[in-house]
Amino acid sequence: MIEDLYKKRRQIRSAWDQKRIPSKELIEGLLKKTLEFAPSKQNLFPFKVHVIEPDNTKDLHYIAGICALHKTGSVNNWEKNLNNKSNSTDYTKAPWVLIFELRLCEPNSFVTNHSKIHNDWTRFNQIMPSRYRKDTNMKLASTEIGMYIELLTGLCLEKDLAISYIMSFPNWSLSKEGEYRKDGNKTGYTWDKLPYITEAPVMVVQIGYKAPIKDPLATKIKFGHSYEENKPDFKTVINFHPKRTD
């Protein structure tokens, strides 16, 4: 059953239902439930999730522009919807948008007691102001965000919700001085449009119901189609290493 569940997920690009909007209670419940059983090193969860609600049309427009790094693609022509007052025809607008960013953690009971016993507060990068932005913790946070989103995906699919993932936004990198270098955006907006994003953004997720229409920007999955996103061979991705004899 879980295999069938995940097989039905498709990246929605321009087929979001604007009349059937998931309730805040439903979305909040799914996020809480995911947090209950998602794995995290020391259960610190070194990331924060900003949830843009359906009625926050200004920030929904801004995030669409932030995720417009290219002139063509799933968010191309995003600016043409600026004066579109009819939500029923704006199929590119996902009703719920989640922005995952890095977070400096407060030490929980385990981390506090462990650090006191060993008289060492430097082991856990997630709680260190001088280290939490660095590459090691950023990799950890990115991995845990991916695991959280994968579990959230399963819960969404159980509720017949579509969920899509976006990473086409301006990147933040850390300078030697410990300050963020923020990339610009030749096509759309920069992250300055959302002042509550203060740490490195890692992933943007869209959630909603799919509209009962054919997505004009959907990937052609039919075998042999010129735009088919065919997968690599199993052996290209998966490599087994039997017992060595040398």
Foldseek 3Di string as FASTA:
>chain_A
DLVVLVVPAFAFQQFFALVAWDDPVLVVVLLVVLLVPQDAVLSFLQKDKDKDAQVNVLVLLQVLQQLPQDCDDSSHPSVVCVPVPDSRNRRRGFRMKIWMFGHQTDDDPVLVVVCVVVVHNPPDQSNDPVRCQDDVNVVRNLVSVVRSVVSSSSVCSVVQKHKHKGDRGWWWDADPVGDTDTDAGPGGHHCVSPVVRDGTIRIMMGMHHGHPDDRPRTQDCPPPDPRHPDDDDPCVPDDDDDDDDD
